[in-house]
Amino acid sequence: MGKVYAPPKGITPPSFRLERDDYNKACNKYEKDIQDWCRLHGSGTQAGKLVRFQVADGYAVYAVVSLKPLKLIHLDHIDGYQQPYIERLTAKDIQDRIKSEEAFTKMFKKKNGTPA
């Protein structure tokens, strides 16, 4: 069973008032800033990895701070969805999710390594 935290102070989600391309860039920067913070302040090899859960027409997105004890940060951007049972998941559940997402991404990469 894990704990879910809000993003750290100083890292704020992008504003919806931006143009689409600017908003997408701001979302990517927000994710990178959260990942960097998790790698700096978290522990373990999975710190900074993002996990996504399908919710309605979008995704609930969380960043791993640590697996032992399980600590996640909810990324409140795009639709801001939350996975309703996130607190019930274990470190193994999160590890399995990371592995499956990495395998899925690898399957669809082009030969030069960029996403399809």
N, C-alpha and C. Protein backbone atom coordinates (compact mmCIF):
# COMPACT_ATOMS: atom_id res chain seq x y z
N MET A 1 0.84 -1.18 0.00
CA MET A 1 0.00 0.00 0.00
C MET A 1 0.88 1.24 0.00
N GLY A 2 0.57 2.15 -0.87
CA GLY A 2 1.41 3.33 -1.03
C GLY A 2 0.74 4.61 -0.62
N LYS A 3 1.54 5.67 -0.69
CA LYS A 3 1.04 7.01 -0.41
C LYS A 3 1.19 7.84 -1.67
N VAL A 4 0.23 8.70 -1.89
CA VAL A 4 0.24 9.58 -3.06
C VAL A 4 0.32 11.02 -2.57
N TYR A 5 1.22 11.77 -3.17
CA TYR A 5 1.45 13.14 -2.77
C TYR A 5 1.16 14.09 -3.93
N ALA A 6 0.91 15.34 -3.58
CA ALA A 6 0.80 16.40 -4.58
C ALA A 6 2.20 16.76 -5.05
N PRO A 7 2.32 17.43 -6.18
CA PRO A 7 3.65 17.84 -6.64
C PRO A 7 4.32 18.76 -5.62
N PRO A 8 5.64 18.75 -5.60
CA PRO A 8 6.36 19.61 -4.66
C PRO A 8 6.13 21.09 -4.97
N LYS A 9 6.27 21.91 -3.94
CA LYS A 9 6.12 23.35 -4.12
C LYS A 9 7.14 23.84 -5.14
N GLY A 10 6.71 24.75 -5.97
CA GLY A 10 7.59 25.30 -6.99
C GLY A 10 7.46 24.61 -8.34
N ILE A 11 6.81 23.46 -8.38
CA ILE A 11 6.56 22.78 -9.66
C ILE A 11 5.05 22.78 -9.86
N THR A 12 4.60 23.65 -10.72
CA THR A 12 3.15 23.81 -10.92
C THR A 12 2.74 23.31 -12.30
N PRO A 13 1.53 22.75 -12.38
CA PRO A 13 1.05 22.28 -13.68
C PRO A 13 0.84 23.45 -14.65
N PRO A 14 0.92 23.18 -15.93
CA PRO A 14 0.76 24.25 -16.92
C PRO A 14 -0.67 24.79 -16.94
N SER A 15 -0.78 26.01 -17.40
CA SER A 15 -2.07 26.70 -17.49
C SER A 15 -2.81 26.26 -18.75
N PHE A 16 -4.13 26.08 -18.63
CA PHE A 16 -4.94 25.73 -19.79
C PHE A 16 -5.07 26.90 -20.76
N ARG A 17 -4.64 28.08 -20.37
CA ARG A 17 -4.79 29.27 -21.21
C ARG A 17 -3.76 29.33 -22.34
N LEU A 18 -2.86 28.38 -22.38
CA LEU A 18 -1.85 28.35 -23.43
C LEU A 18 -2.43 27.79 -24.72
N GLU A 19 -1.81 28.15 -25.83
CA GLU A 19 -2.17 27.53 -27.11
C GLU A 19 -1.82 26.05 -27.07
N ARG A 20 -2.43 25.25 -27.92
CA ARG A 20 -2.27 23.79 -27.87
C ARG A 20 -0.80 23.35 -27.90
N ASP A 21 -0.03 23.83 -28.88
CA ASP A 21 1.37 23.42 -28.96
C ASP A 21 2.16 23.87 -27.73
N ASP A 22 1.89 25.09 -27.28
CA ASP A 22 2.58 25.59 -26.08
C ASP A 22 2.17 24.78 -24.85
N TYR A 23 0.90 24.39 -24.78
CA TYR A 23 0.43 23.59 -23.64
C TYR A 23 1.09 22.22 -23.63
N ASN A 24 1.19 21.59 -24.80
CA ASN A 24 1.85 20.28 -24.89
C ASN A 24 3.31 20.38 -24.47
N LYS A 25 4.01 21.42 -24.90
CA LYS A 25 5.40 21.62 -24.50
C LYS A 25 5.49 21.84 -22.99
N ALA A 26 4.56 22.63 -22.45
CA ALA A 26 4.55 22.90 -21.00
C ALA A 26 4.27 21.62 -20.21
N CYS A 27 3.39 20.76 -20.73
CA CYS A 27 3.10 19.48 -20.07
C CYS A 27 4.34 18.59 -20.07
N ASN A 28 5.05 18.55 -21.19
CA ASN A 28 6.28 17.75 -21.26
C ASN A 28 7.32 18.27 -20.27
N LYS A 29 7.45 19.60 -20.17
CA LYS A 29 8.40 20.19 -19.22
C LYS A 29 7.98 19.87 -17.79
N TYR A 30 6.68 19.96 -17.51
CA TYR A 30 6.15 19.65 -16.17
C TYR A 30 6.49 18.21 -15.80
N GLU A 31 6.25 17.27 -16.71
CA GLU A 31 6.59 15.87 -16.45
C GLU A 31 8.08 15.71 -16.19
N LYS A 32 8.91 16.35 -17.01
CA LYS A 32 10.36 16.25 -16.83
C LYS A 32 10.80 16.84 -15.49
N ASP A 33 10.22 17.98 -15.11
CA ASP A 33 10.56 18.61 -13.83
C ASP A 33 10.21 17.70 -12.65
N ILE A 34 9.04 17.07 -12.72
CA ILE A 34 8.63 16.13 -11.66
C ILE A 34 9.57 14.93 -11.64
N GLN A 35 9.89 14.39 -12.81
CA GLN A 35 10.78 13.23 -12.88
C GLN A 35 12.16 13.58 -12.30
N ASP A 36 12.68 14.74 -12.66
CA ASP A 36 13.98 15.17 -12.13
C ASP A 36 13.93 15.30 -10.61
N TRP A 37 12.85 15.89 -10.10
CA TRP A 37 12.70 16.05 -8.65
C TRP A 37 12.66 14.67 -7.97
N CYS A 38 11.93 13.73 -8.55
CA CYS A 38 11.83 12.38 -7.98
C CYS A 38 13.19 11.68 -7.97
N ARG A 39 13.95 11.84 -9.03
CA ARG A 39 15.28 11.22 -9.09
C ARG A 39 16.22 11.83 -8.04
N LEU A 40 16.08 13.14 -7.82
CA LEU A 40 16.94 13.83 -6.86
C LEU A 40 16.56 13.51 -5.42
N HIS A 41 15.26 13.47 -5.13
CA HIS A 41 14.80 13.31 -3.76
C HIS A 41 14.28 11.90 -3.43
N GLY A 42 14.12 11.07 -4.45
CA GLY A 42 13.60 9.72 -4.24
C GLY A 42 14.72 8.72 -4.06
N SER A 43 14.33 7.46 -4.13
CA SER A 43 15.32 6.39 -3.99
C SER A 43 14.96 5.21 -4.89
N GLY A 44 15.98 4.48 -5.27
CA GLY A 44 15.78 3.30 -6.10
C GLY A 44 15.89 3.59 -7.58
N THR A 45 16.02 2.52 -8.35
CA THR A 45 16.20 2.65 -9.79
C THR A 45 14.93 3.09 -10.51
N GLN A 46 13.79 2.95 -9.89
CA GLN A 46 12.52 3.33 -10.53
C GLN A 46 12.13 4.77 -10.23
N ALA A 47 12.88 5.46 -9.37
CA ALA A 47 12.55 6.85 -9.03
C ALA A 47 12.55 7.69 -10.30
N GLY A 48 11.50 8.45 -10.48
CA GLY A 48 11.36 9.31 -11.65
C GLY A 48 10.60 8.69 -12.80
N LYS A 49 10.31 7.40 -12.72
CA LYS A 49 9.53 6.76 -13.79
C LYS A 49 8.07 7.21 -13.68
N LEU A 50 7.42 7.34 -14.83
CA LEU A 50 6.00 7.69 -14.86
C LEU A 50 5.17 6.43 -15.09
N VAL A 51 4.05 6.35 -14.40
CA VAL A 51 3.09 5.27 -14.63
C VAL A 51 1.76 5.90 -14.98
N ARG A 52 1.11 5.31 -15.96
CA ARG A 52 -0.18 5.83 -16.45
C ARG A 52 -1.25 4.76 -16.31
N PHE A 53 -2.44 5.21 -15.96
CA PHE A 53 -3.59 4.31 -15.85
C PHE A 53 -4.72 4.91 -16.67
N GLN A 54 -5.29 4.09 -17.55
CA GLN A 54 -6.41 4.55 -18.38
C GLN A 54 -7.60 4.90 -17.48
N VAL A 55 -8.13 6.11 -17.65
CA VAL A 55 -9.31 6.57 -16.93
C VAL A 55 -10.16 7.36 -17.92
N ALA A 56 -11.41 6.95 -18.07
CA ALA A 56 -12.33 7.62 -19.00
C ALA A 56 -11.66 7.78 -20.37
N ASP A 57 -11.53 9.01 -20.85
CA ASP A 57 -10.94 9.23 -22.18
C ASP A 57 -9.49 9.71 -22.10
N GLY A 58 -8.86 9.49 -20.96
CA GLY A 58 -7.48 9.94 -20.78
C GLY A 58 -6.71 9.03 -19.84
N TYR A 59 -5.78 9.61 -19.13
CA TYR A 59 -4.92 8.84 -18.23
C TYR A 59 -4.73 9.55 -16.91
N ALA A 60 -4.61 8.75 -15.86
CA ALA A 60 -4.13 9.24 -14.57
C ALA A 60 -2.62 8.99 -14.59
N VAL A 61 -1.84 10.02 -14.28
CA VAL A 61 -0.39 9.92 -14.39
C VAL A 61 0.24 10.13 -13.01
N TYR A 62 1.17 9.25 -12.67
CA TYR A 62 1.88 9.32 -11.39
C TYR A 62 3.37 9.15 -11.64
N ALA A 63 4.17 9.82 -10.82
CA ALA A 63 5.63 9.65 -10.87
C ALA A 63 6.06 8.89 -9.63
N VAL A 64 7.00 7.97 -9.79
CA VAL A 64 7.50 7.17 -8.68
C VAL A 64 8.58 7.97 -7.95
N VAL A 65 8.38 8.13 -6.64
CA VAL A 65 9.41 8.72 -5.78
C VAL A 65 10.25 7.59 -5.22
N SER A 66 9.59 6.55 -4.71
CA SER A 66 10.29 5.36 -4.22
C SER A 66 9.33 4.18 -4.23
N LEU A 67 9.90 2.98 -4.25
CA LEU A 67 9.08 1.77 -4.19
C LEU A 67 9.03 1.20 -2.77
N LYS A 68 10.09 1.45 -1.99
CA LYS A 68 10.12 0.96 -0.61
C LYS A 68 10.51 2.09 0.31
N PRO A 69 9.58 2.71 0.99
CA PRO A 69 8.14 2.52 0.90
C PRO A 69 7.60 3.14 -0.39
N LEU A 70 6.45 2.66 -0.83
CA LEU A 70 5.86 3.14 -2.08
C LEU A 70 5.35 4.57 -1.90
N LYS A 71 5.94 5.48 -2.69
CA LYS A 71 5.54 6.88 -2.68
C LYS A 71 5.40 7.33 -4.13
N LEU A 72 4.28 7.95 -4.44
CA LEU A 72 4.00 8.43 -5.79
C LEU A 72 3.59 9.90 -5.73
N ILE A 73 3.81 10.60 -6.82
CA ILE A 73 3.31 11.97 -6.96
C ILE A 73 2.30 11.97 -8.09
N HIS A 74 1.11 12.53 -7.81
CA HIS A 74 0.08 12.65 -8.83
C HIS A 74 0.38 13.87 -9.69
N LEU A 75 0.40 13.68 -11.01
CA LEU A 75 0.62 14.78 -11.93
C LEU A 75 -0.73 15.32 -12.36
N ASP A 76 -1.01 16.52 -11.91
CA ASP A 76 -2.31 17.13 -12.16
C ASP A 76 -2.23 18.01 -13.41
N HIS A 77 -2.13 17.36 -14.55
CA HIS A 77 -2.10 18.09 -15.80
C HIS A 77 -2.98 17.37 -16.82
N ILE A 78 -3.11 17.93 -17.98
CA ILE A 78 -4.00 17.45 -19.04
C ILE A 78 -5.41 17.36 -18.44
N ASP A 79 -5.94 16.16 -18.19
CA ASP A 79 -7.27 16.07 -17.59
C ASP A 79 -7.22 15.96 -16.08
N GLY A 80 -6.07 15.67 -15.52
CA GLY A 80 -5.93 15.59 -14.07
C GLY A 80 -6.61 14.37 -13.46
N TYR A 81 -6.86 13.35 -14.28
CA TYR A 81 -7.53 12.16 -13.77
C TYR A 81 -6.72 11.51 -12.65
N GLN A 82 -7.43 10.81 -11.77
CA GLN A 82 -6.81 10.03 -10.70
C GLN A 82 -7.29 8.59 -10.81
N GLN A 83 -6.40 7.67 -10.52
CA GLN A 83 -6.76 6.25 -10.50
C GLN A 83 -7.46 6.02 -9.16
N PRO A 84 -8.72 5.54 -9.17
CA PRO A 84 -9.50 5.50 -7.93
C PRO A 84 -8.93 4.60 -6.82
N TYR A 85 -8.14 3.60 -7.16
CA TYR A 85 -7.64 2.68 -6.14
C TYR A 85 -6.12 2.72 -6.02
N ILE A 86 -5.53 3.85 -6.36
CA ILE A 86 -4.08 3.95 -6.40
C ILE A 86 -3.44 3.62 -5.06
N GLU A 87 -4.08 4.00 -3.96
CA GLU A 87 -3.50 3.74 -2.63
C GLU A 87 -3.46 2.25 -2.29
N ARG A 88 -4.24 1.45 -2.99
CA ARG A 88 -4.28 0.01 -2.73
C ARG A 88 -3.21 -0.77 -3.49
N LEU A 89 -2.56 -0.12 -4.44
CA LEU A 89 -1.54 -0.81 -5.22
C LEU A 89 -0.26 -0.99 -4.41
N THR A 90 0.45 -2.05 -4.72
CA THR A 90 1.71 -2.35 -4.03
C THR A 90 2.89 -1.97 -4.92
N ALA A 91 4.08 -2.03 -4.35
CA ALA A 91 5.29 -1.75 -5.12
C ALA A 91 5.40 -2.71 -6.30
N LYS A 92 5.04 -3.97 -6.10
CA LYS A 92 5.09 -4.95 -7.18
C LYS A 92 4.13 -4.57 -8.30
N ASP A 93 2.93 -4.10 -7.95
CA ASP A 93 1.98 -3.65 -8.96
C ASP A 93 2.58 -2.52 -9.81
N ILE A 94 3.24 -1.58 -9.15
CA ILE A 94 3.84 -0.45 -9.87
C ILE A 94 5.01 -0.93 -10.73
N GLN A 95 5.85 -1.81 -10.20
CA GLN A 95 6.95 -2.37 -10.99
C GLN A 95 6.44 -3.08 -12.23
N ASP A 96 5.39 -3.88 -12.07
CA ASP A 96 4.80 -4.59 -13.20
C ASP A 96 4.25 -3.62 -14.24
N ARG A 97 3.64 -2.55 -13.76
CA ARG A 97 3.09 -1.54 -14.66
C ARG A 97 4.20 -0.86 -15.46
N ILE A 98 5.29 -0.53 -14.78
CA ILE A 98 6.43 0.10 -15.45
C ILE A 98 7.00 -0.83 -16.52
N LYS A 99 7.17 -2.11 -16.17
CA LYS A 99 7.70 -3.09 -17.13
C LYS A 99 6.80 -3.22 -18.34
N SER A 100 5.49 -3.28 -18.12
CA SER A 100 4.58 -3.45 -19.25
C SER A 100 4.56 -2.21 -20.13
N GLU A 101 4.63 -1.02 -19.54
CA GLU A 101 4.66 0.21 -20.34
C GLU A 101 5.95 0.30 -21.14
N GLU A 102 7.08 -0.08 -20.53
CA GLU A 102 8.35 -0.05 -21.25
C GLU A 102 8.35 -1.06 -22.40
N ALA A 103 7.79 -2.23 -22.18
CA ALA A 103 7.71 -3.25 -23.24
C ALA A 103 6.81 -2.76 -24.38
N PHE A 104 5.70 -2.14 -24.04
CA PHE A 104 4.78 -1.62 -25.04
C PHE A 104 5.45 -0.52 -25.87
N THR A 105 6.15 0.38 -25.21
CA THR A 105 6.84 1.47 -25.90
C THR A 105 7.93 0.91 -26.81
N LYS A 106 8.68 -0.07 -26.31
CA LYS A 106 9.76 -0.67 -27.10
C LYS A 106 9.21 -1.34 -28.36
N MET A 107 8.06 -1.95 -28.24
CA MET A 107 7.45 -2.66 -29.35
C MET A 107 7.13 -1.72 -30.51
N PHE A 108 6.82 -0.46 -30.19
CA PHE A 108 6.41 0.48 -31.22
C PHE A 108 7.48 1.50 -31.58
N LYS A 109 8.72 1.30 -31.13
CA LYS A 109 9.80 2.21 -31.51
C LYS A 109 10.27 1.90 -32.92
N LYS A 110 10.67 2.96 -33.59
CA LYS A 110 11.24 2.79 -34.93
C LYS A 110 12.65 2.21 -34.77
N LYS A 111 13.22 1.82 -35.85
CA LYS A 111 14.56 1.22 -35.81
C LYS A 111 15.61 2.17 -35.25
N ASN A 112 15.43 3.47 -35.43
CA ASN A 112 16.42 4.43 -34.94
C ASN A 112 16.22 4.77 -33.46
N GLY A 113 15.20 4.17 -32.82
CA GLY A 113 15.00 4.36 -31.39
C GLY A 113 13.99 5.41 -31.00
N THR A 114 13.46 6.16 -32.00
CA THR A 114 12.48 7.17 -31.66
C THR A 114 11.08 6.56 -31.63
N PRO A 115 10.19 7.12 -30.81
CA PRO A 115 8.83 6.57 -30.77
C PRO A 115 8.14 6.69 -32.12
N ALA A 116 7.30 5.73 -32.43
CA ALA A 116 6.57 5.73 -33.70
C ALA A 116 5.48 6.77 -33.69
